[in-house]
Amino acid sequence: MIAVLSAGLAPAFALMSYIYLKDRVTEPLSLIIRSFILGALLVFPIMFIQYALASEEITVNRFIEAFIFVALLEEFIKWFIFMFSIYHHSEFDDHYDGIVYAVSISLGFASLENILYLLTNGLEYAFLRAFFPVSSHALFGVIMGYYFGRAKMTSHHTNSNRLFALLIPFLLHGLYNYILAIVANNWIYYLFPFMIFLWYFALHRMKAAKHSSRI
């Protein structure tokens, strides 16, 4: 059990540390931990909803499953939690802060999901889980947080940026899931380039947010 917890949490802590230490003015750890816990608690209602949808066999269309039942559901609830718990918080006072808190929520979700997966399927999947699902959730969080930061720190296009904070992570997450669904045997040849693009896109958003924070 300790090995599973360590393997399940280690990639999240590594990624969170990287994001956190890039912040020019570090955020309070108590709020980051709270965001992480809220993200972890999201796993249970999402799992219940996804199980109910699968049990009812509403659709067998892989596109709908990948984009609606998984990506939209997960990203919308993370988006909603950010809006409810972080967006109007006094500590959210800098563009890059949006990235820190959105990644906290995303990694909380990814960590518990990862632990449950490793408990069910074994530690041999720990490395692949760290590189693909856990890191992808973190990168979706970077992108969500970037647009939340723009919405909070600029006086124009606020509603559009809040919409982009949901729409872009949802589309990227849906594409990630769809790749896994349609190329089950050779997924790594398609998913690896996608992850390179996702890292590039997210790191570019981090750089832009840091630059905006210095202005």
N, C-alpha and C. Protein backbone atom coordinates (compact mmCIF):
# COMPACT_ATOMS: atom_id res chain seq x y z
N MET A 1 0.82 -1.21 0.00
CA MET A 1 0.00 0.00 0.00
C MET A 1 0.86 1.27 0.00
N ILE A 2 1.93 1.26 0.80
CA ILE A 2 2.83 2.41 0.85
C ILE A 2 3.49 2.63 -0.50
N ALA A 3 3.86 1.51 -1.15
CA ALA A 3 4.49 1.61 -2.47
C ALA A 3 3.52 2.22 -3.49
N VAL A 4 2.27 1.81 -3.42
CA VAL A 4 1.27 2.34 -4.34
C VAL A 4 1.03 3.83 -4.09
N LEU A 5 0.92 4.21 -2.82
CA LEU A 5 0.73 5.62 -2.50
C LEU A 5 1.92 6.46 -2.97
N SER A 6 3.12 5.92 -2.76
CA SER A 6 4.32 6.66 -3.19
C SER A 6 4.36 6.82 -4.69
N ALA A 7 4.10 5.71 -5.40
CA ALA A 7 4.12 5.75 -6.87
C ALA A 7 2.99 6.61 -7.41
N GLY A 8 1.86 6.60 -6.73
CA GLY A 8 0.71 7.38 -7.19
C GLY A 8 0.87 8.87 -6.97
N LEU A 9 1.54 9.25 -5.87
CA LEU A 9 1.66 10.66 -5.51
C LEU A 9 2.93 11.32 -6.03
N ALA A 10 3.98 10.53 -6.24
CA ALA A 10 5.28 11.11 -6.60
C ALA A 10 5.24 11.98 -7.86
N PRO A 11 4.63 11.52 -8.96
CA PRO A 11 4.62 12.40 -10.15
C PRO A 11 3.86 13.69 -9.93
N ALA A 12 2.79 13.64 -9.14
CA ALA A 12 2.02 14.85 -8.86
C ALA A 12 2.85 15.83 -8.04
N PHE A 13 3.56 15.34 -7.04
CA PHE A 13 4.39 16.21 -6.22
C PHE A 13 5.51 16.82 -7.05
N ALA A 14 6.10 16.02 -7.94
CA ALA A 14 7.18 16.54 -8.78
C ALA A 14 6.67 17.64 -9.71
N LEU A 15 5.54 17.39 -10.35
CA LEU A 15 4.98 18.38 -11.27
C LEU A 15 4.51 19.63 -10.53
N MET A 16 3.88 19.43 -9.36
CA MET A 16 3.41 20.57 -8.58
C MET A 16 4.57 21.42 -8.09
N SER A 17 5.65 20.77 -7.68
CA SER A 17 6.84 21.50 -7.23
C SER A 17 7.42 22.34 -8.36
N TYR A 18 7.45 21.76 -9.55
CA TYR A 18 7.97 22.49 -10.71
C TYR A 18 7.14 23.72 -11.00
N ILE A 19 5.83 23.56 -11.01
CA ILE A 19 4.93 24.69 -11.29
C ILE A 19 5.03 25.73 -10.18
N TYR A 20 5.04 25.28 -8.95
CA TYR A 20 5.05 26.17 -7.79
C TYR A 20 6.32 27.01 -7.74
N LEU A 21 7.46 26.37 -7.98
CA LEU A 21 8.74 27.07 -7.87
C LEU A 21 8.98 28.03 -9.03
N LYS A 22 8.20 27.91 -10.09
CA LYS A 22 8.29 28.85 -11.20
C LYS A 22 7.58 30.16 -10.88
N ASP A 23 6.78 30.16 -9.82
CA ASP A 23 6.01 31.35 -9.47
C ASP A 23 6.94 32.42 -8.90
N ARG A 24 6.77 33.62 -9.37
CA ARG A 24 7.61 34.74 -8.91
C ARG A 24 7.33 35.05 -7.44
N VAL A 25 6.08 35.03 -7.05
CA VAL A 25 5.68 35.21 -5.65
C VAL A 25 4.88 33.97 -5.26
N THR A 26 5.46 33.11 -4.43
CA THR A 26 4.83 31.83 -4.14
C THR A 26 3.52 32.02 -3.40
N GLU A 27 2.59 31.13 -3.69
CA GLU A 27 1.26 31.15 -3.10
C GLU A 27 1.24 30.41 -1.77
N PRO A 28 0.27 30.70 -0.90
CA PRO A 28 0.20 30.01 0.40
C PRO A 28 -0.04 28.51 0.22
N LEU A 29 0.79 27.71 0.88
CA LEU A 29 0.68 26.26 0.75
C LEU A 29 -0.68 25.74 1.23
N SER A 30 -1.25 26.41 2.22
CA SER A 30 -2.55 25.95 2.74
C SER A 30 -3.62 25.99 1.66
N LEU A 31 -3.61 27.02 0.83
CA LEU A 31 -4.61 27.13 -0.23
C LEU A 31 -4.31 26.15 -1.36
N ILE A 32 -3.04 25.92 -1.63
CA ILE A 32 -2.67 24.93 -2.64
C ILE A 32 -3.09 23.54 -2.20
N ILE A 33 -2.84 23.21 -0.93
CA ILE A 33 -3.23 21.89 -0.40
C ILE A 33 -4.75 21.74 -0.42
N ARG A 34 -5.47 22.80 -0.07
CA ARG A 34 -6.93 22.73 -0.11
C ARG A 34 -7.42 22.48 -1.53
N SER A 35 -6.81 23.17 -2.49
CA SER A 35 -7.18 22.97 -3.89
C SER A 35 -6.89 21.55 -4.34
N PHE A 36 -5.74 21.02 -3.91
CA PHE A 36 -5.36 19.64 -4.23
C PHE A 36 -6.38 18.66 -3.67
N ILE A 37 -6.79 18.86 -2.42
CA ILE A 37 -7.77 17.97 -1.79
C ILE A 37 -9.12 18.06 -2.49
N LEU A 38 -9.54 19.27 -2.82
CA LEU A 38 -10.80 19.42 -3.56
C LEU A 38 -10.76 18.68 -4.89
N GLY A 39 -9.60 18.78 -5.57
CA GLY A 39 -9.45 18.05 -6.82
C GLY A 39 -9.54 16.55 -6.62
N ALA A 40 -8.93 16.06 -5.55
CA ALA A 40 -8.98 14.62 -5.27
C ALA A 40 -10.41 14.17 -4.98
N LEU A 41 -11.16 14.98 -4.25
CA LEU A 41 -12.54 14.61 -3.91
C LEU A 41 -13.45 14.55 -5.13
N LEU A 42 -13.04 15.22 -6.21
CA LEU A 42 -13.84 15.19 -7.44
C LEU A 42 -13.90 13.80 -8.05
N VAL A 43 -12.90 12.98 -7.73
CA VAL A 43 -12.83 11.65 -8.35
C VAL A 43 -14.10 10.85 -8.09
N PHE A 44 -14.63 10.92 -6.88
CA PHE A 44 -15.75 10.06 -6.51
C PHE A 44 -17.05 10.41 -7.24
N PRO A 45 -17.49 11.67 -7.27
CA PRO A 45 -18.71 11.95 -8.05
C PRO A 45 -18.52 11.71 -9.54
N ILE A 46 -17.32 11.99 -10.06
CA ILE A 46 -17.09 11.77 -11.48
C ILE A 46 -17.12 10.28 -11.81
N MET A 47 -16.48 9.47 -10.97
CA MET A 47 -16.51 8.02 -11.18
C MET A 47 -17.94 7.50 -11.13
N PHE A 48 -18.74 8.01 -10.20
CA PHE A 48 -20.13 7.56 -10.08
C PHE A 48 -20.92 7.91 -11.33
N ILE A 49 -20.77 9.14 -11.80
CA ILE A 49 -21.50 9.58 -13.00
C ILE A 49 -21.06 8.76 -14.22
N GLN A 50 -19.75 8.56 -14.37
CA GLN A 50 -19.25 7.79 -15.51
C GLN A 50 -19.70 6.34 -15.44
N TYR A 51 -19.74 5.78 -14.24
CA TYR A 51 -20.22 4.39 -14.08
C TYR A 51 -21.70 4.30 -14.44
N ALA A 52 -22.47 5.29 -13.99
CA ALA A 52 -23.91 5.29 -14.30
C ALA A 52 -24.15 5.41 -15.80
N LEU A 53 -23.39 6.27 -16.46
CA LEU A 53 -23.54 6.44 -17.91
C LEU A 53 -23.16 5.16 -18.65
N ALA A 54 -22.08 4.51 -18.19
CA ALA A 54 -21.67 3.26 -18.83
C ALA A 54 -22.68 2.16 -18.60
N SER A 55 -23.26 2.10 -17.40
CA SER A 55 -24.23 1.05 -17.07
C SER A 55 -25.50 1.19 -17.89
N GLU A 56 -25.89 2.43 -18.14
CA GLU A 56 -27.11 2.68 -18.91
C GLU A 56 -26.90 2.47 -20.41
N GLU A 57 -25.64 2.34 -20.82
CA GLU A 57 -25.29 2.13 -22.23
C GLU A 57 -25.98 3.17 -23.12
N ILE A 58 -25.83 4.44 -22.71
CA ILE A 58 -26.48 5.54 -23.45
C ILE A 58 -25.94 5.63 -24.87
N THR A 59 -24.63 5.39 -25.01
CA THR A 59 -24.04 5.40 -26.34
C THR A 59 -22.80 4.52 -26.35
N VAL A 60 -22.51 3.97 -27.53
CA VAL A 60 -21.26 3.22 -27.69
C VAL A 60 -20.33 3.96 -28.65
N ASN A 61 -20.70 5.19 -28.95
CA ASN A 61 -19.88 6.01 -29.85
C ASN A 61 -18.62 6.47 -29.12
N ARG A 62 -17.46 6.11 -29.67
CA ARG A 62 -16.20 6.41 -28.98
C ARG A 62 -15.93 7.90 -28.91
N PHE A 63 -16.35 8.63 -29.92
CA PHE A 63 -16.15 10.08 -29.92
C PHE A 63 -16.92 10.73 -28.78
N ILE A 64 -18.18 10.35 -28.63
CA ILE A 64 -19.00 10.92 -27.56
C ILE A 64 -18.45 10.52 -26.20
N GLU A 65 -18.05 9.25 -26.05
CA GLU A 65 -17.48 8.81 -24.78
C GLU A 65 -16.22 9.59 -24.43
N ALA A 66 -15.33 9.75 -25.43
CA ALA A 66 -14.05 10.42 -25.18
C ALA A 66 -14.23 11.89 -24.87
N PHE A 67 -15.09 12.56 -25.63
CA PHE A 67 -15.20 14.01 -25.48
C PHE A 67 -16.24 14.44 -24.44
N ILE A 68 -17.36 13.75 -24.38
CA ILE A 68 -18.45 14.20 -23.51
C ILE A 68 -18.42 13.50 -22.16
N PHE A 69 -18.43 12.15 -22.16
CA PHE A 69 -18.53 11.41 -20.91
C PHE A 69 -17.27 11.52 -20.05
N VAL A 70 -16.12 11.76 -20.68
CA VAL A 70 -14.88 11.85 -19.91
C VAL A 70 -14.36 13.29 -19.90
N ALA A 71 -13.96 13.79 -21.05
CA ALA A 71 -13.27 15.08 -21.10
C ALA A 71 -14.15 16.24 -20.60
N LEU A 72 -15.35 16.37 -21.14
CA LEU A 72 -16.20 17.50 -20.75
C LEU A 72 -16.60 17.39 -19.29
N LEU A 73 -16.97 16.19 -18.86
CA LEU A 73 -17.37 16.00 -17.47
C LEU A 73 -16.25 16.38 -16.51
N GLU A 74 -15.05 15.85 -16.75
CA GLU A 74 -13.93 16.10 -15.84
C GLU A 74 -13.48 17.55 -15.87
N GLU A 75 -13.33 18.11 -17.06
CA GLU A 75 -12.84 19.48 -17.15
C GLU A 75 -13.88 20.49 -16.66
N PHE A 76 -15.15 20.21 -16.90
CA PHE A 76 -16.17 21.14 -16.40
C PHE A 76 -16.19 21.17 -14.89
N ILE A 77 -16.10 20.00 -14.25
CA ILE A 77 -16.15 19.99 -12.79
C ILE A 77 -14.91 20.65 -12.20
N LYS A 78 -13.74 20.44 -12.80
CA LYS A 78 -12.53 21.15 -12.34
C LYS A 78 -12.69 22.65 -12.54
N TRP A 79 -13.23 23.03 -13.68
CA TRP A 79 -13.48 24.45 -13.98
C TRP A 79 -14.44 25.05 -12.95
N PHE A 80 -15.49 24.32 -12.64
CA PHE A 80 -16.48 24.79 -11.68
C PHE A 80 -15.87 24.95 -10.29
N ILE A 81 -15.06 23.99 -9.86
CA ILE A 81 -14.41 24.07 -8.55
C ILE A 81 -13.49 25.27 -8.50
N PHE A 82 -12.76 25.54 -9.58
CA PHE A 82 -11.90 26.73 -9.61
C PHE A 82 -12.75 27.99 -9.46
N MET A 83 -13.82 28.09 -10.22
CA MET A 83 -14.69 29.27 -10.15
C MET A 83 -15.26 29.44 -8.74
N PHE A 84 -15.63 28.35 -8.12
CA PHE A 84 -16.29 28.38 -6.82
C PHE A 84 -15.31 28.68 -5.68
N SER A 85 -14.09 28.11 -5.73
CA SER A 85 -13.19 28.17 -4.58
C SER A 85 -12.00 29.10 -4.74
N ILE A 86 -11.64 29.43 -5.99
CA ILE A 86 -10.39 30.19 -6.21
C ILE A 86 -10.62 31.53 -6.90
N TYR A 87 -11.50 31.57 -7.87
CA TYR A 87 -11.55 32.72 -8.77
C TYR A 87 -11.71 34.05 -8.03
N HIS A 88 -12.54 34.08 -7.01
CA HIS A 88 -12.80 35.33 -6.28
C HIS A 88 -11.97 35.44 -5.00
N HIS A 89 -11.05 34.52 -4.80
CA HIS A 89 -10.21 34.53 -3.59
C HIS A 89 -9.19 35.67 -3.68
N SER A 90 -8.91 36.30 -2.53
CA SER A 90 -7.99 37.43 -2.51
C SER A 90 -6.57 37.04 -2.89
N GLU A 91 -6.19 35.77 -2.70
CA GLU A 91 -4.84 35.32 -3.05
C GLU A 91 -4.65 35.16 -4.56
N PHE A 92 -5.74 35.11 -5.28
CA PHE A 92 -5.66 35.03 -6.74
C PHE A 92 -5.53 36.45 -7.28
N ASP A 93 -4.29 36.95 -7.25
CA ASP A 93 -4.07 38.35 -7.60
C ASP A 93 -2.94 38.53 -8.62
N ASP A 94 -2.67 37.47 -9.38
CA ASP A 94 -1.59 37.52 -10.37
C ASP A 94 -1.92 36.52 -11.48
N HIS A 95 -1.49 36.83 -12.69
CA HIS A 95 -1.80 35.96 -13.83
C HIS A 95 -1.32 34.52 -13.59
N TYR A 96 -0.09 34.36 -13.12
CA TYR A 96 0.47 33.01 -12.96
C TYR A 96 -0.23 32.23 -11.83
N ASP A 97 -0.86 32.96 -10.89
CA ASP A 97 -1.57 32.27 -9.80
C ASP A 97 -2.63 31.33 -10.34
N GLY A 98 -3.28 31.73 -11.44
CA GLY A 98 -4.30 30.86 -12.02
C GLY A 98 -3.74 29.50 -12.38
N ILE A 99 -2.52 29.48 -12.90
CA ILE A 99 -1.88 28.22 -13.27
C ILE A 99 -1.60 27.38 -12.02
N VAL A 100 -1.07 28.01 -10.98
CA VAL A 100 -0.73 27.28 -9.75
C VAL A 100 -1.97 26.59 -9.18
N TYR A 101 -3.07 27.32 -9.08
CA TYR A 101 -4.26 26.74 -8.44
C TYR A 101 -4.99 25.76 -9.35
N ALA A 102 -5.03 26.02 -10.63
CA ALA A 102 -5.68 25.07 -11.55
C ALA A 102 -4.90 23.76 -11.61
N VAL A 103 -3.58 23.85 -11.60
CA VAL A 103 -2.76 22.63 -11.58
C VAL A 103 -2.95 21.88 -10.27
N SER A 104 -3.08 22.60 -9.16
CA SER A 104 -3.33 21.95 -7.87
C SER A 104 -4.61 21.11 -7.91
N ILE A 105 -5.67 21.69 -8.44
CA ILE A 105 -6.93 20.96 -8.55
C ILE A 105 -6.78 19.76 -9.48
N SER A 106 -6.15 19.97 -10.63
CA SER A 106 -5.98 18.90 -11.62
C SER A 106 -5.14 17.76 -11.07
N LEU A 107 -4.06 18.10 -10.38
CA LEU A 107 -3.18 17.05 -9.85
C LEU A 107 -3.79 16.33 -8.65
N GLY A 108 -4.64 17.01 -7.89
CA GLY A 108 -5.38 16.31 -6.85
C GLY A 108 -6.26 15.23 -7.45
N PHE A 109 -6.98 15.61 -8.51
CA PHE A 109 -7.81 14.64 -9.22
C PHE A 109 -6.97 13.51 -9.80
N ALA A 110 -5.88 13.86 -10.51
CA ALA A 110 -5.05 12.86 -11.17
C ALA A 110 -4.38 11.92 -10.17
N SER A 111 -4.01 12.44 -9.00
CA SER A 111 -3.31 11.62 -8.01
C SER A 111 -4.20 10.51 -7.45
N LEU A 112 -5.41 10.87 -7.04
CA LEU A 112 -6.29 9.84 -6.48
C LEU A 112 -6.71 8.86 -7.57
N GLU A 113 -6.98 9.36 -8.75
CA GLU A 113 -7.32 8.49 -9.88
C GLU A 113 -6.16 7.53 -10.14
N ASN A 114 -4.93 8.03 -10.07
CA ASN A 114 -3.76 7.22 -10.31
C ASN A 114 -3.59 6.15 -9.24
N ILE A 115 -3.78 6.52 -7.99
CA ILE A 115 -3.67 5.55 -6.89
C ILE A 115 -4.69 4.43 -7.04
N LEU A 116 -5.92 4.78 -7.34
CA LEU A 116 -6.97 3.77 -7.52
C LEU A 116 -6.64 2.84 -8.69
N TYR A 117 -6.10 3.42 -9.76
CA TYR A 117 -5.73 2.59 -10.92
C TYR A 117 -4.60 1.62 -10.55
N LEU A 118 -3.58 2.10 -9.86
CA LEU A 118 -2.45 1.25 -9.49
C LEU A 118 -2.87 0.17 -8.50
N LEU A 119 -3.79 0.49 -7.61
CA LEU A 119 -4.30 -0.52 -6.68
C LEU A 119 -5.01 -1.65 -7.43
N THR A 120 -5.69 -1.28 -8.49
CA THR A 120 -6.46 -2.27 -9.27
C THR A 120 -5.59 -3.05 -10.24
N ASN A 121 -4.63 -2.36 -10.89
CA ASN A 121 -3.91 -2.97 -12.01
C ASN A 121 -2.44 -3.27 -11.74
N GLY A 122 -1.87 -2.72 -10.68
CA GLY A 122 -0.50 -3.06 -10.34
C GLY A 122 0.50 -1.95 -10.57
N LEU A 123 1.62 -2.02 -9.84
CA LEU A 123 2.64 -0.98 -9.89
C LEU A 123 3.40 -0.93 -11.21
N GLU A 124 3.32 -1.99 -12.01
CA GLU A 124 4.07 -2.00 -13.27
C GLU A 124 3.60 -0.89 -14.23
N TYR A 125 2.43 -0.31 -13.95
CA TYR A 125 1.92 0.76 -14.81
C TYR A 125 2.30 2.15 -14.30
N ALA A 126 3.03 2.21 -13.21
CA ALA A 126 3.30 3.50 -12.56
C ALA A 126 4.02 4.49 -13.48
N PHE A 127 5.03 4.01 -14.22
CA PHE A 127 5.80 4.92 -15.07
C PHE A 127 4.95 5.49 -16.19
N LEU A 128 4.22 4.64 -16.89
CA LEU A 128 3.37 5.11 -17.98
C LEU A 128 2.27 6.04 -17.47
N ARG A 129 1.72 5.72 -16.32
CA ARG A 129 0.68 6.57 -15.73
C ARG A 129 1.24 7.95 -15.39
N ALA A 130 2.48 7.98 -14.89
CA ALA A 130 3.09 9.26 -14.54
C ALA A 130 3.32 10.11 -15.78
N PHE A 131 3.78 9.49 -16.84
CA PHE A 131 4.14 10.24 -18.04
C PHE A 131 2.93 10.68 -18.85
N PHE A 132 1.88 9.86 -18.86
CA PHE A 132 0.73 10.19 -19.71
C PHE A 132 -0.46 10.77 -18.92
N PRO A 133 -1.23 9.98 -18.18
CA PRO A 133 -2.43 10.57 -17.56
C PRO A 133 -2.14 11.67 -16.54
N VAL A 134 -1.17 11.43 -15.65
CA VAL A 134 -0.92 12.42 -14.60
C VAL A 134 -0.38 13.72 -15.18
N SER A 135 0.63 13.60 -16.04
CA SER A 135 1.20 14.82 -16.62
C SER A 135 0.20 15.53 -17.54
N SER A 136 -0.63 14.77 -18.24
CA SER A 136 -1.61 15.42 -19.12
C SER A 136 -2.62 16.22 -18.30
N HIS A 137 -3.05 15.69 -17.17
CA HIS A 137 -3.96 16.45 -16.30
C HIS A 137 -3.29 17.73 -15.83
N ALA A 138 -2.02 17.65 -15.47
CA ALA A 138 -1.29 18.85 -15.04
C ALA A 138 -1.24 19.88 -16.15
N LEU A 139 -0.99 19.42 -17.37
CA LEU A 139 -0.89 20.35 -18.51
C LEU A 139 -2.24 20.95 -18.88
N PHE A 140 -3.31 20.15 -18.77
CA PHE A 140 -4.65 20.72 -18.95
C PHE A 140 -4.90 21.80 -17.89
N GLY A 141 -4.40 21.56 -16.68
CA GLY A 141 -4.54 22.54 -15.61
C GLY A 141 -3.77 23.82 -15.90
N VAL A 142 -2.57 23.69 -16.47
CA VAL A 142 -1.79 24.87 -16.86
C VAL A 142 -2.59 25.74 -17.83
N ILE A 143 -3.17 25.09 -18.82
CA ILE A 143 -3.91 25.83 -19.85
C ILE A 143 -5.17 26.46 -19.27
N MET A 144 -5.88 25.70 -18.44
CA MET A 144 -7.06 26.26 -17.78
C MET A 144 -6.68 27.46 -16.92
N GLY A 145 -5.63 27.31 -16.13
CA GLY A 145 -5.21 28.38 -15.24
C GLY A 145 -4.72 29.61 -15.98
N TYR A 146 -4.09 29.40 -17.12
CA TYR A 146 -3.62 30.53 -17.92
C TYR A 146 -4.79 31.43 -18.33
N TYR A 147 -5.87 30.81 -18.82
CA TYR A 147 -7.01 31.61 -19.27
C TYR A 147 -7.81 32.18 -18.10
N PHE A 148 -7.84 31.47 -16.96
CA PHE A 148 -8.44 32.07 -15.78
C PHE A 148 -7.64 33.30 -15.34
N GLY A 149 -6.31 33.20 -15.41
CA GLY A 149 -5.48 34.34 -15.06
C GLY A 149 -5.72 35.53 -15.95
N ARG A 150 -5.86 35.28 -17.24
CA ARG A 150 -6.17 36.37 -18.18
C ARG A 150 -7.53 36.99 -17.86
N ALA A 151 -8.49 36.13 -17.55
CA ALA A 151 -9.83 36.64 -17.24
C ALA A 151 -9.81 37.52 -15.99
N LYS A 152 -9.02 37.11 -15.00
CA LYS A 152 -8.99 37.84 -13.73
C LYS A 152 -8.17 39.12 -13.80
N MET A 153 -7.08 39.10 -14.56
CA MET A 153 -6.12 40.21 -14.53
C MET A 153 -6.31 41.24 -15.63
N THR A 154 -7.17 40.97 -16.59
CA THR A 154 -7.42 41.94 -17.65
C THR A 154 -8.89 42.36 -17.61
N SER A 155 -9.14 43.57 -18.05
CA SER A 155 -10.51 44.11 -17.98
C SER A 155 -11.31 43.85 -19.25
N HIS A 156 -10.69 43.24 -20.25
CA HIS A 156 -11.40 43.00 -21.51
C HIS A 156 -11.44 41.50 -21.80
N HIS A 157 -12.46 41.07 -22.50
CA HIS A 157 -12.66 39.67 -22.89
C HIS A 157 -12.70 38.73 -21.68
N THR A 158 -13.21 39.20 -20.56
CA THR A 158 -13.23 38.38 -19.35
C THR A 158 -14.06 37.12 -19.54
N ASN A 159 -15.26 37.25 -20.05
CA ASN A 159 -16.13 36.08 -20.24
C ASN A 159 -15.55 35.13 -21.28
N SER A 160 -14.94 35.68 -22.33
CA SER A 160 -14.33 34.83 -23.36
C SER A 160 -13.19 34.01 -22.77
N ASN A 161 -12.36 34.63 -21.93
CA ASN A 161 -11.24 33.91 -21.33
C ASN A 161 -11.71 32.85 -20.34
N ARG A 162 -12.78 33.14 -19.61
CA ARG A 162 -13.34 32.11 -18.72
C ARG A 162 -13.88 30.94 -19.53
N LEU A 163 -14.47 31.24 -20.68
CA LEU A 163 -14.94 30.17 -21.57
C LEU A 163 -13.76 29.38 -22.12
N PHE A 164 -12.69 30.06 -22.55
CA PHE A 164 -11.51 29.37 -23.06
C PHE A 164 -10.88 28.49 -21.99
N ALA A 165 -10.99 28.91 -20.71
CA ALA A 165 -10.44 28.12 -19.61
C ALA A 165 -11.10 26.75 -19.53
N LEU A 166 -12.32 26.64 -20.01
CA LEU A 166 -13.00 25.34 -20.08
C LEU A 166 -12.83 24.70 -21.45
N LEU A 167 -13.04 25.49 -22.51
CA LEU A 167 -13.14 24.94 -23.86
C LEU A 167 -11.83 24.31 -24.32
N ILE A 168 -10.71 24.99 -24.14
CA ILE A 168 -9.44 24.47 -24.68
C ILE A 168 -8.97 23.22 -23.94
N PRO A 169 -8.96 23.19 -22.59
CA PRO A 169 -8.62 21.93 -21.93
C PRO A 169 -9.58 20.79 -22.29
N PHE A 170 -10.86 21.11 -22.42
CA PHE A 170 -11.84 20.08 -22.80
C PHE A 170 -11.51 19.48 -24.17
N LEU A 171 -11.21 20.31 -25.15
CA LEU A 171 -10.92 19.81 -26.49
C LEU A 171 -9.62 18.99 -26.51
N LEU A 172 -8.60 19.47 -25.82
CA LEU A 172 -7.34 18.73 -25.77
C LEU A 172 -7.49 17.42 -25.01
N HIS A 173 -8.24 17.45 -23.92
CA HIS A 173 -8.49 16.23 -23.15
C HIS A 173 -9.30 15.23 -23.97
N GLY A 174 -10.30 15.74 -24.69
CA GLY A 174 -11.09 14.86 -25.54
C GLY A 174 -10.26 14.21 -26.62
N LEU A 175 -9.36 14.98 -27.23
CA LEU A 175 -8.49 14.42 -28.26
C LEU A 175 -7.56 13.37 -27.69
N TYR A 176 -7.04 13.62 -26.50
CA TYR A 176 -6.20 12.64 -25.80
C TYR A 176 -6.96 11.33 -25.62
N ASN A 177 -8.19 11.42 -25.11
CA ASN A 177 -8.99 10.21 -24.88
C ASN A 177 -9.34 9.51 -26.19
N TYR A 178 -9.64 10.30 -27.21
CA TYR A 178 -10.05 9.72 -28.49
C TYR A 178 -8.89 8.97 -29.14
N ILE A 179 -7.68 9.50 -29.01
CA ILE A 179 -6.50 8.79 -29.52
C ILE A 179 -6.39 7.42 -28.86
N LEU A 180 -6.56 7.38 -27.54
CA LEU A 180 -6.50 6.11 -26.81
C LEU A 180 -7.60 5.15 -27.25
N ALA A 181 -8.76 5.71 -27.56
CA ALA A 181 -9.92 4.87 -27.90
C ALA A 181 -9.81 4.24 -29.28
N ILE A 182 -9.24 4.96 -30.25
CA ILE A 182 -9.29 4.45 -31.63
C ILE A 182 -8.01 3.75 -32.07
N VAL A 183 -6.93 3.91 -31.32
CA VAL A 183 -5.68 3.25 -31.70
C VAL A 183 -5.14 2.46 -30.50
N ALA A 184 -5.97 1.58 -29.99
CA ALA A 184 -5.66 0.88 -28.75
C ALA A 184 -4.33 0.12 -28.80
N ASN A 185 -3.99 -0.48 -29.93
CA ASN A 185 -2.78 -1.30 -29.99
C ASN A 185 -1.51 -0.51 -30.24
N ASN A 186 -1.63 0.61 -30.96
CA ASN A 186 -0.45 1.41 -31.29
C ASN A 186 -0.57 2.83 -30.75
N TRP A 187 -1.20 2.98 -29.60
CA TRP A 187 -1.51 4.29 -29.07
C TRP A 187 -0.26 5.14 -28.81
N ILE A 188 0.83 4.50 -28.42
CA ILE A 188 2.02 5.27 -28.03
C ILE A 188 2.59 6.06 -29.21
N TYR A 189 2.45 5.53 -30.44
CA TYR A 189 2.99 6.21 -31.63
C TYR A 189 2.21 7.49 -31.94
N TYR A 190 0.97 7.55 -31.49
CA TYR A 190 0.15 8.72 -31.72
C TYR A 190 0.14 9.64 -30.49
N LEU A 191 0.12 9.01 -29.32
CA LEU A 191 0.01 9.80 -28.09
C LEU A 191 1.32 10.51 -27.75
N PHE A 192 2.45 9.90 -28.08
CA PHE A 192 3.74 10.52 -27.75
C PHE A 192 3.90 11.87 -28.45
N PRO A 193 3.66 11.97 -29.78
CA PRO A 193 3.71 13.30 -30.42
C PRO A 193 2.70 14.27 -29.84
N PHE A 194 1.52 13.77 -29.50
CA PHE A 194 0.50 14.64 -28.90
C PHE A 194 1.00 15.21 -27.58
N MET A 195 1.67 14.38 -26.76
CA MET A 195 2.18 14.85 -25.48
C MET A 195 3.29 15.88 -25.66
N ILE A 196 4.12 15.69 -26.68
CA ILE A 196 5.15 16.69 -26.97
C ILE A 196 4.50 18.03 -27.30
N PHE A 197 3.48 18.00 -28.15
CA PHE A 197 2.75 19.23 -28.49
C PHE A 197 2.11 19.83 -27.24
N LEU A 198 1.52 18.99 -26.39
CA LEU A 198 0.84 19.48 -25.19
C LEU A 198 1.83 20.15 -24.24
N TRP A 199 3.00 19.54 -24.06
CA TRP A 199 4.04 20.15 -23.23
C TRP A 199 4.46 21.50 -23.81
N TYR A 200 4.68 21.55 -25.11
CA TYR A 200 5.09 22.80 -25.75
C TYR A 200 4.03 23.88 -25.55
N PHE A 201 2.80 23.53 -25.80
CA PHE A 201 1.69 24.48 -25.68
C PHE A 201 1.57 24.99 -24.25
N ALA A 202 1.63 24.09 -23.27
CA ALA A 202 1.48 24.47 -21.87
C ALA A 202 2.66 25.30 -21.38
N LEU A 203 3.88 24.91 -21.75
CA LEU A 203 5.06 25.68 -21.33
C LEU A 203 5.05 27.08 -21.93
N HIS A 204 4.55 27.19 -23.15
CA HIS A 204 4.41 28.51 -23.76
C HIS A 204 3.43 29.37 -22.99
N ARG A 205 2.35 28.77 -22.51
CA ARG A 205 1.37 29.51 -21.71
C ARG A 205 1.96 29.90 -20.36
N MET A 206 2.76 29.03 -19.78
CA MET A 206 3.43 29.38 -18.52
C MET A 206 4.35 30.57 -18.70
N LYS A 207 5.13 30.56 -19.78
CA LYS A 207 6.04 31.65 -20.06
C LYS A 207 5.28 32.95 -20.27
N ALA A 208 4.19 32.89 -21.00
CA ALA A 208 3.39 34.10 -21.25
C ALA A 208 2.79 34.64 -19.96
N ALA A 209 2.33 33.74 -19.08
CA ALA A 209 1.75 34.18 -17.80
C ALA A 209 2.80 34.82 -16.91
N LYS A 210 4.00 34.25 -16.89
CA LYS A 210 5.10 34.82 -16.09
C LYS A 210 5.47 36.20 -16.64
N HIS A 211 5.52 36.34 -17.94
CA HIS A 211 5.84 37.63 -18.55
C HIS A 211 4.78 38.67 -18.20
N SER A 212 3.52 38.27 -18.26
CA SER A 212 2.43 39.15 -17.93
C SER A 212 2.49 39.57 -16.47
N SER A 213 2.95 38.66 -15.60
CA SER A 213 3.02 38.95 -14.17
C SER A 213 4.07 40.00 -13.86
N ARG A 214 5.09 40.13 -14.70
CA ARG A 214 6.16 41.08 -14.47
C ARG A 214 5.82 42.49 -14.98
N ILE A 215 4.76 42.58 -15.80
CA ILE A 215 4.41 43.88 -16.39
C ILE A 215 3.67 44.74 -15.37
